[in-house]
C-alpha atoms as a PDB file:
ATOM      1  CA  UNK A   1      14.317  -7.640  54.142  1.00  0.00           C
ATOM      2  CA  UNK A   2      17.066  -9.174  52.020  1.00  0.00           C
ATOM      3  CA  UNK A   3      15.071  -8.756  48.806  1.00  0.00           C
ATOM      4  CA  UNK A   4      14.618  -5.004  49.319  1.00  0.00           C
ATOM      5  CA  UNK A   5      18.283  -4.511  50.167  1.00  0.00           C
ATOM      6  CA  UNK A   6      19.253  -5.785  46.710  1.00  0.00           C
ATOM      7  CA  UNK A   7      17.080  -3.285  44.821  1.00  0.00           C
ATOM      8  CA  UNK A   8      18.335  -0.173  43.076  1.00  0.00           C
ATOM      9  CA  UNK A   9      17.311   3.287  44.274  1.00  0.00           C
ATOM     10  CA  UNK A  10      14.741   3.462  41.470  1.00  0.00           C
ATOM     11  CA  UNK A  11      13.137   0.211  42.536  1.00  0.00           C
ATOM     12  CA  UNK A  12      13.213   1.199  46.196  1.00  0.00           C
ATOM     13  CA  UNK A  13      11.379   4.431  45.374  1.00  0.00           C
ATOM     14  CA  UNK A  14       8.776   2.480  43.428  1.00  0.00           C
ATOM     15  CA  UNK A  15       8.316   0.054  46.327  1.00  0.00           C
ATOM     16  CA  UNK A  16       7.767   2.898  48.764  1.00  0.00           C
ATOM     17  CA  UNK A  17       5.198   4.483  46.413  1.00  0.00           C
ATOM     18  CA  UNK A  18       3.396   1.144  46.217  1.00  0.00           C
ATOM     19  CA  UNK A  19       3.421   0.779  50.003  1.00  0.00           C
ATOM     20  CA  UNK A  20       2.166   4.343  50.551  1.00  0.00           C
ATOM     21  CA  UNK A  21      -0.637   3.794  48.041  1.00  0.00           C
ATOM     22  CA  UNK A  22      -1.554   0.513  49.731  1.00  0.00           C
ATOM     23  CA  UNK A  23      -1.820   2.202  53.103  1.00  0.00           C
ATOM     24  CA  UNK A  24      -4.304   4.668  51.569  1.00  0.00           C
ATOM     25  CA  UNK A  25      -6.702   1.922  50.410  1.00  0.00           C
ATOM     26  CA  UNK A  26     -10.105   2.122  52.111  1.00  0.00           C
ATOM     27  CA  UNK A  27     -12.590   0.745  49.588  1.00  0.00           C
ATOM     28  CA  UNK A  28     -13.044  -1.574  46.617  1.00  0.00           C
ATOM     29  CA  UNK A  29     -12.300   1.130  44.048  1.00  0.00           C
ATOM     30  CA  UNK A  30      -9.125   2.125  45.935  1.00  0.00           C
ATOM     31  CA  UNK A  31      -8.074  -1.511  46.057  1.00  0.00           C
ATOM     32  CA  UNK A  32      -8.657  -2.048  42.340  1.00  0.00           C
ATOM     33  CA  UNK A  33      -6.726   1.105  41.406  1.00  0.00           C
ATOM     34  CA  UNK A  34      -3.845   0.063  43.658  1.00  0.00           C
ATOM     35  CA  UNK A  35      -3.678  -3.463  42.264  1.00  0.00           C
ATOM     36  CA  UNK A  36      -3.810  -2.194  38.687  1.00  0.00           C
ATOM     37  CA  UNK A  37      -1.199   0.506  39.277  1.00  0.00           C
ATOM     38  CA  UNK A  38       2.545   0.246  39.905  1.00  0.00           C
ATOM     39  CA  UNK A  39       2.009  -2.970  41.839  1.00  0.00           C
ATOM     40  CA  UNK A  40       1.622  -4.659  38.434  1.00  0.00           C
ATOM     41  CA  UNK A  41       5.311  -4.009  37.794  1.00  0.00           C
ATOM     42  CA  UNK A  42       6.210  -6.586  40.463  1.00  0.00           C
ATOM     43  CA  UNK A  43       3.035  -8.651  40.670  1.00  0.00           C
ATOM     44  CA  UNK A  44       1.597  -8.850  37.135  1.00  0.00           C
ATOM     45  CA  UNK A  45      -1.898 -10.301  37.298  1.00  0.00           C
ATOM     46  CA  UNK A  46      -5.364  -9.978  35.820  1.00  0.00           C
ATOM     47  CA  UNK A  47      -7.447 -11.329  38.698  1.00  0.00           C
ATOM     48  CA  UNK A  48      -6.932 -11.521  42.440  1.00  0.00           C
ATOM     49  CA  UNK A  49      -8.941 -13.991  44.491  1.00  0.00           C
ATOM     50  CA  UNK A  50      -8.787 -13.460  48.252  1.00  0.00           C
ATOM     51  CA  UNK A  51     -10.353 -15.877  50.720  1.00  0.00           C
ATOM     52  CA  UNK A  52     -10.311 -16.130  54.481  1.00  0.00           C
ATOM     53  CA  UNK A  53     -11.683 -18.582  57.021  1.00  0.00           C
ATOM     54  CA  UNK A  54     -11.516 -22.372  57.359  1.00  0.00           C
ATOM     55  CA  UNK A  55     -10.282 -24.000  54.140  1.00  0.00           C
ATOM     56  CA  UNK A  56     -11.017 -27.472  55.436  1.00  0.00           C
ATOM     57  CA  UNK A  57     -14.730 -26.694  55.110  1.00  0.00           C
ATOM     58  CA  UNK A  58     -17.024 -24.240  53.329  1.00  0.00           C
ATOM     59  CA  UNK A  59     -16.749 -21.794  56.213  1.00  0.00           C
ATOM     60  CA  UNK A  60     -14.874 -19.045  54.440  1.00  0.00           C
ATOM     61  CA  UNK A  61     -15.567 -15.806  52.620  1.00  0.00           C
ATOM     62  CA  UNK A  62     -14.050 -14.580  49.392  1.00  0.00           C
ATOM     63  CA  UNK A  63     -13.568 -11.526  47.220  1.00  0.00           C
ATOM     64  CA  UNK A  64     -12.557 -11.199  43.572  1.00  0.00           C
ATOM     65  CA  UNK A  65     -10.802  -8.072  42.350  1.00  0.00           C
ATOM     66  CA  UNK A  66     -10.339  -7.578  38.623  1.00  0.00           C
ATOM     67  CA  UNK A  67     -10.848  -5.034  35.862  1.00  0.00           C
ATOM     68  CA  UNK A  68     -11.883  -7.803  33.463  1.00  0.00           C
ATOM     69  CA  UNK A  69     -15.571  -7.906  32.483  1.00  0.00           C
ATOM     70  CA  UNK A  70     -17.601 -10.741  33.975  1.00  0.00           C
ATOM     71  CA  UNK A  71     -15.147 -11.452  36.798  1.00  0.00           C
ATOM     72  CA  UNK A  72     -17.012 -10.410  39.927  1.00  0.00           C
ATOM     73  CA  UNK A  73     -17.320 -11.783  43.441  1.00  0.00           C
ATOM     74  CA  UNK A  74     -21.046 -12.431  43.152  1.00  0.00           C
ATOM     75  CA  UNK A  75     -20.543 -14.572  40.034  1.00  0.00           C
ATOM     76  CA  UNK A  76     -18.760 -17.337  41.948  1.00  0.00           C
ATOM     77  CA  UNK A  77     -20.518 -19.429  44.550  1.00  0.00           C
ATOM     78  CA  UNK A  78     -18.655 -20.345  47.707  1.00  0.00           C
ATOM     79  CA  UNK A  79     -19.287 -24.065  47.209  1.00  0.00           C
ATOM     80  CA  UNK A  80     -17.621 -23.898  43.783  1.00  0.00           C
ATOM     81  CA  UNK A  81     -14.459 -22.525  45.347  1.00  0.00           C
ATOM     82  CA  UNK A  82     -14.017 -24.926  48.247  1.00  0.00           C
ATOM     83  CA  UNK A  83     -12.137 -27.678  46.381  1.00  0.00           C
ATOM     84  CA  UNK A  84      -9.820 -25.220  44.622  1.00  0.00           C
ATOM     85  CA  UNK A  85      -8.997 -23.297  47.779  1.00  0.00           C
ATOM     86  CA  UNK A  86      -8.462 -26.481  49.772  1.00  0.00           C
ATOM     87  CA  UNK A  87      -5.945 -27.737  47.180  1.00  0.00           C
ATOM     88  CA  UNK A  88      -4.093 -24.415  46.976  1.00  0.00           C
ATOM     89  CA  UNK A  89      -4.095 -23.970  50.754  1.00  0.00           C
ATOM     90  CA  UNK A  90      -2.768 -27.492  51.376  1.00  0.00           C
ATOM     91  CA  UNK A  91       0.038 -26.904  48.877  1.00  0.00           C
ATOM     92  CA  UNK A  92       0.899 -23.598  50.567  1.00  0.00           C
ATOM     93  CA  UNK A  93       0.958 -25.276  53.987  1.00  0.00           C
ATOM     94  CA  UNK A  94       3.131 -28.149  52.739  1.00  0.00           C
ATOM     95  CA  UNK A  95       5.625 -25.621  51.356  1.00  0.00           C
ATOM     96  CA  UNK A  96       6.015 -24.072  54.779  1.00  0.00           C
ATOM     97  CA  UNK A  97       3.528 -21.268  54.041  1.00  0.00           C
ATOM     98  CA  UNK A  98       5.809 -19.742  51.431  1.00  0.00           C
ATOM     99  CA  UNK A  99       4.626 -18.114  48.181  1.00  0.00           C
ATOM    100  CA  UNK A 100       4.645 -20.319  45.101  1.00  0.00           C
ATOM    101  CA  UNK A 101       3.677 -20.232  41.447  1.00  0.00           C
ATOM    102  CA  UNK A 102       1.547 -22.691  39.545  1.00  0.00           C
ATOM    103  CA  UNK A 103       1.232 -23.104  35.810  1.00  0.00           C
ATOM    104  CA  UNK A 104      -2.250 -23.348  34.408  1.00  0.00           C
ATOM    105  CA  UNK A 105      -1.287 -24.659  30.983  1.00  0.00           C
ATOM    106  CA  UNK A 106      -3.056 -24.415  27.618  1.00  0.00           C
ATOM    107  CA  UNK A 107      -5.514 -27.220  28.401  1.00  0.00           C
ATOM    108  CA  UNK A 108      -6.834 -25.733  31.623  1.00  0.00           C
ATOM    109  CA  UNK A 109      -6.017 -25.562  35.313  1.00  0.00           C
ATOM    110  CA  UNK A 110      -3.417 -27.924  36.699  1.00  0.00           C
ATOM    111  CA  UNK A 111      -5.835 -28.878  39.485  1.00  0.00           C
ATOM    112  CA  UNK A 112      -9.004 -30.673  38.435  1.00  0.00           C
ATOM    113  CA  UNK A 113     -10.581 -29.049  41.503  1.00  0.00           C
ATOM    114  CA  UNK A 114     -10.131 -25.636  39.908  1.00  0.00           C
ATOM    115  CA  UNK A 115     -12.452 -26.293  36.964  1.00  0.00           C
ATOM    116  CA  UNK A 116     -15.636 -24.986  38.664  1.00  0.00           C
ATOM    117  CA  UNK A 117     -13.990 -21.573  38.853  1.00  0.00           C
ATOM    118  CA  UNK A 118     -14.338 -21.233  35.071  1.00  0.00           C
ATOM    119  CA  UNK A 119     -18.107 -20.933  35.536  1.00  0.00           C
ATOM    120  CA  UNK A 120     -17.538 -17.277  36.423  1.00  0.00           C
ATOM    121  CA  UNK A 121     -16.869 -16.345  32.800  1.00  0.00           C
ATOM    122  CA  UNK A 122     -14.790 -16.906  29.674  1.00  0.00           C
ATOM    123  CA  UNK A 123     -12.090 -14.489  30.846  1.00  0.00           C
ATOM    124  CA  UNK A 124     -10.585 -17.124  33.141  1.00  0.00           C
ATOM    125  CA  UNK A 125      -9.887 -19.299  30.114  1.00  0.00           C
ATOM    126  CA  UNK A 126      -7.047 -16.912  29.238  1.00  0.00           C
ATOM    127  CA  UNK A 127      -5.255 -17.291  32.567  1.00  0.00           C
ATOM    128  CA  UNK A 128      -1.945 -19.151  32.272  1.00  0.00           C
ATOM    129  CA  UNK A 129      -0.388 -19.001  35.726  1.00  0.00           C
ATOM    130  CA  UNK A 130      -1.097 -18.441  39.401  1.00  0.00           C
ATOM    131  CA  UNK A 131       0.857 -16.943  42.272  1.00  0.00           C
ATOM    132  CA  UNK A 132      -0.291 -18.083  45.702  1.00  0.00           C
ATOM    133  CA  UNK A 133       0.528 -16.831  49.182  1.00  0.00           C
ATOM    134  CA  UNK A 134      -1.296 -16.341  52.445  1.00  0.00           C
ATOM    135  CA  UNK A 135      -1.295 -15.096  56.006  1.00  0.00           C
ATOM    136  CA  UNK A 136      -2.124 -16.944  59.208  1.00  0.00           C
ATOM    137  CA  UNK A 137      -3.818 -14.836  61.856  1.00  0.00           C
ATOM    138  CA  UNK A 138      -2.645 -16.526  65.046  1.00  0.00           C
ATOM    139  CA  UNK A 139      -4.866 -14.395  67.289  1.00  0.00           C
ATOM    140  CA  UNK A 140      -7.979 -14.671  65.181  1.00  0.00           C
ATOM    141  CA  UNK A 141      -7.312 -18.351  64.372  1.00  0.00           C
ATOM    142  CA  UNK A 142      -7.952 -17.672  60.683  1.00  0.00           C
ATOM    143  CA  UNK A 143      -6.043 -18.187  57.458  1.00  0.00           C
ATOM    144  CA  UNK A 144      -6.144 -15.738  54.553  1.00  0.00           C
ATOM    145  CA  UNK A 145      -5.177 -16.935  51.081  1.00  0.00           C
ATOM    146  CA  UNK A 146      -4.410 -14.732  48.076  1.00  0.00           C
ATOM    147  CA  UNK A 147      -4.312 -16.109  44.538  1.00  0.00           C
ATOM    148  CA  UNK A 148      -3.129 -13.938  41.640  1.00  0.00           C
ATOM    149  CA  UNK A 149      -4.208 -15.195  38.199  1.00  0.00           C
ATOM    150  CA  UNK A 150      -2.082 -13.994  35.296  1.00  0.00           C
ATOM    151  CA  UNK A 151      -2.357 -14.284  31.527  1.00  0.00           C
ATOM    152  CA  UNK A 152       1.435 -14.596  31.441  1.00  0.00           C
ATOM    153  CA  UNK A 153       2.726 -18.095  30.763  1.00  0.00           C
ATOM    154  CA  UNK A 154       5.007 -17.989  33.805  1.00  0.00           C
ATOM    155  CA  UNK A 155       5.681 -15.824  36.833  1.00  0.00           C
ATOM    156  CA  UNK A 156       9.371 -15.798  37.724  1.00  0.00           C
ATOM    157  CA  UNK A 157      11.192 -15.820  41.054  1.00  0.00           C
ATOM    158  CA  UNK A 158      11.130 -12.019  41.279  1.00  0.00           C
ATOM    159  CA  UNK A 159       7.317 -12.135  41.464  1.00  0.00           C
ATOM    160  CA  UNK A 160       7.544 -14.722  44.245  1.00  0.00           C
ATOM    161  CA  UNK A 161       9.988 -12.519  46.182  1.00  0.00           C
ATOM    162  CA  UNK A 162       7.794  -9.455  45.631  1.00  0.00           C
ATOM    163  CA  UNK A 163       4.731 -11.359  46.837  1.00  0.00           C
ATOM    164  CA  UNK A 164       6.489 -12.277  50.065  1.00  0.00           C
ATOM    165  CA  UNK A 165       7.673  -8.702  50.617  1.00  0.00           C
ATOM    166  CA  UNK A 166       4.375  -7.017  49.776  1.00  0.00           C
ATOM    167  CA  UNK A 167       2.057  -9.541  51.448  1.00  0.00           C
ATOM    168  CA  UNK A 168       1.720  -7.591  54.741  1.00  0.00           C
ATOM    169  CA  UNK A 169       0.613  -4.502  52.808  1.00  0.00           C
ATOM    170  CA  UNK A 170      -1.705  -6.478  50.535  1.00  0.00           C
ATOM    171  CA  UNK A 171      -3.313  -8.130  53.541  1.00  0.00           C
ATOM    172  CA  UNK A 172      -3.648  -4.822  55.414  1.00  0.00           C
ATOM    173  CA  UNK A 173      -5.265  -3.145  52.402  1.00  0.00           C
ATOM    174  CA  UNK A 174      -7.679  -6.039  51.955  1.00  0.00           C
ATOM    175  CA  UNK A 175      -8.728  -5.943  55.601  1.00  0.00           C
ATOM    176  CA  UNK A 176      -9.793  -2.308  55.182  1.00  0.00           C
ATOM    177  CA  UNK A 177     -12.229  -3.222  52.413  1.00  0.00           C
ATOM    178  CA  UNK A 178     -15.702  -4.204  53.583  1.00  0.00           C
ATOM    179  CA  UNK A 179     -16.733  -7.622  52.202  1.00  0.00           C
ATOM    180  CA  UNK A 180     -19.713  -7.595  49.876  1.00  0.00           C
ATOM    181  CA  UNK A 181     -22.957  -7.726  51.848  1.00  0.00           C
ATOM    182  CA  UNK A 182     -24.474 -10.527  49.780  1.00  0.00           C
ATOM    183  CA  UNK A 183     -21.919 -12.959  51.208  1.00  0.00           C
ATOM    184  CA  UNK A 184     -23.048 -12.359  54.755  1.00  0.00           C
ATOM    185  CA  UNK A 185     -25.165 -15.104  56.304  1.00  0.00           C
ATOM    186  CA  UNK A 186     -28.839 -14.370  56.050  1.00  0.00           C
ATOM    187  CA  UNK A 187     -30.091 -12.391  59.013  1.00  0.00           C
ATOM    188  CA  UNK A 188     -33.623 -11.827  57.720  1.00  0.00           C
ATOM    189  CA  UNK A 189     -35.249 -14.555  59.788  1.00  0.00           C
ATOM    190  CA  UNK A 190     -38.559 -13.286  61.133  1.00  0.00           C
ATOM    191  CA  UNK A 191     -37.643 -14.587  64.556  1.00  0.00           C
ATOM    192  CA  UNK A 192     -34.340 -12.714  64.596  1.00  0.00           C
ATOM    193  CA  UNK A 193     -35.934  -9.480  63.365  1.00  0.00           C
ATOM    194  CA  UNK A 194     -38.545  -9.571  66.134  1.00  0.00           C
ATOM    195  CA  UNK A 195     -35.976 -10.206  68.840  1.00  0.00           C
ATOM    196  CA  UNK A 196     -33.765  -7.427  67.422  1.00  0.00           C
ATOM    197  CA  UNK A 197     -36.678  -4.982  67.501  1.00  0.00           C
ATOM    198  CA  UNK A 198     -37.616  -5.911  71.055  1.00  0.00           C
ATOM    199  CA  UNK A 199     -34.129  -6.107  72.559  1.00  0.00           C
ATOM    200  CA  UNK A 200     -31.989  -3.723  70.515  1.00  0.00           C
ATOM    201  CA  UNK A 201     -29.610  -6.276  69.005  1.00  0.00           C
ATOM    202  CA  UNK A 202     -27.065  -5.027  66.467  1.00  0.00           C
ATOM    203  CA  UNK A 203     -26.743  -6.397  62.937  1.00  0.00           C
ATOM    204  CA  UNK A 204     -23.657  -8.407  63.907  1.00  0.00           C
ATOM    205  CA  UNK A 205     -25.432  -9.825  66.951  1.00  0.00           C
ATOM    206  CA  UNK A 206     -28.327 -10.922  64.730  1.00  0.00           C
ATOM    207  CA  UNK A 207     -25.850 -12.681  62.420  1.00  0.00           C
ATOM    208  CA  UNK A 208     -24.282 -14.510  65.350  1.00  0.00           C
ATOM    209  CA  UNK A 209     -27.707 -15.488  66.703  1.00  0.00           C
ATOM    210  CA  UNK A 210     -28.555 -16.914  63.287  1.00  0.00           C
ATOM    211  CA  UNK A 211     -25.504 -19.190  63.363  1.00  0.00           C
ATOM    212  CA  UNK A 212     -26.099 -20.119  67.009  1.00  0.00           C
ATOM    213  CA  UNK A 213     -29.567 -21.301  65.970  1.00  0.00           C
ATOM    214  CA  UNK A 214     -27.931 -23.317  63.176  1.00  0.00           C
ATOM    215  CA  UNK A 215     -25.866 -25.168  65.807  1.00  0.00           C
ATOM    216  CA  UNK A 216     -22.482 -23.637  64.937  1.00  0.00           C
ATOM    217  CA  UNK A 217     -19.692 -23.501  67.509  1.00  0.00           C
ATOM    218  CA  UNK A 218     -17.877 -20.297  68.414  1.00  0.00           C
ATOM    219  CA  UNK A 219     -14.922 -21.359  66.267  1.00  0.00           C
ATOM    220  CA  UNK A 220     -17.184 -22.062  63.284  1.00  0.00           C
ATOM    221  CA  UNK A 221     -18.972 -18.732  63.683  1.00  0.00           C
ATOM    222  CA  UNK A 222     -15.623 -16.952  63.834  1.00  0.00           C
ATOM    223  CA  UNK A 223     -14.538 -18.605  60.577  1.00  0.00           C
ATOM    224  CA  UNK A 224     -17.834 -17.860  58.838  1.00  0.00           C
ATOM    225  CA  UNK A 225     -17.853 -14.175  59.797  1.00  0.00           C
ATOM    226  CA  UNK A 226     -14.103 -13.614  59.508  1.00  0.00           C
ATOM    227  CA  UNK A 227     -13.655 -12.512  63.121  1.00  0.00           C
ATOM    228  CA  UNK A 228     -11.822 -13.940  66.115  1.00  0.00           C
ATOM    229  CA  UNK A 229     -13.263 -16.437  68.580  1.00  0.00           C
ATOM    230  CA  UNK A 230     -12.818 -13.844  71.313  1.00  0.00           C
ATOM    231  CA  UNK A 231     -14.944 -11.366  69.364  1.00  0.00           C
ATOM    232  CA  UNK A 232     -17.675 -13.993  69.000  1.00  0.00           C
ATOM    233  CA  UNK A 233     -17.579 -14.613  72.750  1.00  0.00           C
ATOM    234  CA  UNK A 234     -17.852 -10.872  73.456  1.00  0.00           C
ATOM    235  CA  UNK A 235     -20.853 -10.566  71.134  1.00  0.00           C
ATOM    236  CA  UNK A 236     -22.492 -13.549  72.828  1.00  0.00           C
ATOM    237  CA  UNK A 237     -22.027 -11.950  76.243  1.00  0.00           C
ATOM    238  CA  UNK A 238     -23.762  -8.813  74.961  1.00  0.00           C
ATOM    239  CA  UNK A 239     -26.535 -10.892  73.400  1.00  0.00           C
ATOM    240  CA  UNK A 240     -27.121 -12.807  76.642  1.00  0.00           C
ATOM    241  CA  UNK A 241     -27.256  -9.551  78.597  1.00  0.00           C
ATOM    242  CA  UNK A 242     -29.745  -7.947  76.192  1.00  0.00           C
ATOM    243  CA  UNK A 243     -31.933 -11.049  76.148  1.00  0.00           C
ATOM    244  CA  UNK A 244     -31.566 -11.505  79.923  1.00  0.00           C
ATOM    245  CA  UNK A 245     -30.393 -15.108  79.552  1.00  0.00           C
ATOM    246  CA  UNK A 246     -27.323 -17.045  80.663  1.00  0.00           C
ATOM    247  CA  UNK A 247     -26.422 -19.359  77.794  1.00  0.00           C
ATOM    248  CA  UNK A 248     -26.959 -20.290  74.146  1.00  0.00           C
ATOM    249  CA  UNK A 249     -29.803 -22.695  74.853  1.00  0.00           C
ATOM    250  CA  UNK A 250     -31.764 -20.061  76.744  1.00  0.00           C
ATOM    251  CA  UNK A 251     -31.101 -17.522  73.974  1.00  0.00           C
ATOM    252  CA  UNK A 252     -32.472 -19.838  71.291  1.00  0.00           C
ATOM    253  CA  UNK A 253     -35.484 -20.674  73.474  1.00  0.00           C
ATOM    254  CA  UNK A 254     -36.213 -16.987  73.997  1.00  0.00           C
ATOM    255  CA  UNK A 255     -36.064 -16.307  70.253  1.00  0.00           C
ATOM    256  CA  UNK A 256     -38.600 -19.047  69.582  1.00  0.00           C
ATOM    257  CA  UNK A 257     -40.818 -17.967  72.476  1.00  0.00           C
ATOM    258  CA  UNK A 258     -40.787 -14.344  71.316  1.00  0.00           C
ATOM    259  CA  UNK A 259     -41.753 -15.384  67.799  1.00  0.00           C
ATOM    260  CA  UNK A 260     -44.563 -17.658  68.970  1.00  0.00           C
ATOM    261  CA  UNK A 261     -45.983 -15.086  71.373  1.00  0.00           C
ATOM    262  CA  UNK A 262     -45.852 -12.187  68.920  1.00  0.00           C
ATOM    263  CA  UNK A 263     -47.165 -14.009  65.845  1.00  0.00           C
ATOM    264  CA  UNK A 264     -46.795 -12.436  62.388  1.00  0.00           C
ATOM    265  CA  UNK A 265     -46.133  -8.704  62.393  1.00  0.00           C
ATOM    266  CA  UNK A 266     -47.287  -6.154  59.912  1.00  0.00           C
ATOM    267  CA  UNK A 267     -45.348  -6.455  56.680  1.00  0.00           C
ATOM    268  CA  UNK A 268     -43.756  -9.757  57.641  1.00  0.00           C
ATOM    269  CA  UNK A 269     -45.087 -13.272  57.049  1.00  0.00           C
ATOM    270  CA  UNK A 270     -45.165 -15.732  59.893  1.00  0.00           C
ATOM    271  CA  UNK A 271     -41.746 -17.415  60.212  1.00  0.00           C
ATOM    272  CA  UNK A 272     -41.643 -20.958  58.900  1.00  0.00           C
ATOM    273  CA  UNK A 273     -41.188 -23.753  61.392  1.00  0.00           C
ATOM    274  CA  UNK A 274     -37.636 -25.094  61.083  1.00  0.00           C
END
């Protein structure tokens, strides 16, 4: 990389320490410590918002990483992020999927669509700039967007260059961190639980069955769950085999039939008719 070749030995050593530390990330606490460590020298920020999925809809997942009080993933609803992420993603795409900075300004975010984000807490009111970059997963047909919020008035060109250089390691570290469970689509449907008990379906297979029942396509399910279309297809093949059916329609019919035949089970109310 041209940017790395221009660095002094001291900076090169720091970059390698940052990369080694990033490779060692395996959980949320590791990720937070890494982001708040030497990485701040090149990418100064107070909050990182990561999102992945389909930014043209609400079919995406997100994660907030920050040491600031009151800034937590569960404090922001997905629907409140969709307009902001769509605007930032479109700008990134128009710039040829290159990193860019955006001033927030003293009167608030530059994008009107970003205002709902302030519902997460007063701490965001102190953010003055953003650094945005992303990754397109060609095999998984997903886009991943990373937004760094900083209390600094501006982030210079060196931060943009560092973001481009460190993005592969940031993305790799993030992919090792398990998304918070409360973002996962609800899999507690009585019908799904009964079928799982009777046919040995895994938790992921129950999730996919839930979205199949909601009428989602394979591509939509892949975006919602943050997996590839091919993985969805593989899970569906396993589901069909376990349920002894041949297609989605038969699978849904079997779920309903199993629920109707079994009735309410001990400890579970009868599933509502949908």
